[in-house]
């Protein structure tokens, strides 16, 4: 997902994906249109920043994967803690495999290296996300390339 170059048309939102990476950050998402501009944390997504190389952590090489409030509630019904706090506790600094659906987040296309290269305010590698995340697996070690 981080291959350099304009990537807006590289994939489509009808694709399910599996992505592996190192969890560099877990934090509440911003106030965004996809969540009806919810202000409270319960109504906002959880952003998980994945990187392929934790030793050279550059935000413009991050892929963002997002846990939505609906999936957080679904996992709670299964006894899993997918709150932002719980995901941060369980995932930060670990290698993971996530599954979900591709989503091109046009609200952030001007803040991604592939769609707005070299901009000082770029904080992600691509505007493509895994959103929503439907499965998270902690891996025992760095996956083989």
Foldseek 3Di string as FASTA:
>chain_A
DQDAAQCPPVDDQVDKDKDKFAFADKAWDAQDVVQVSDDDSLSTKIWTWGAHDPVDDDQLRTAIAIAGSVLCVVVVVVVDHPRSVRCCVVGHGFMKMWIATKDQQPVCLCQHCRNNNPDPNNRHPHSIHRPHTNDMDTDPDNDDD
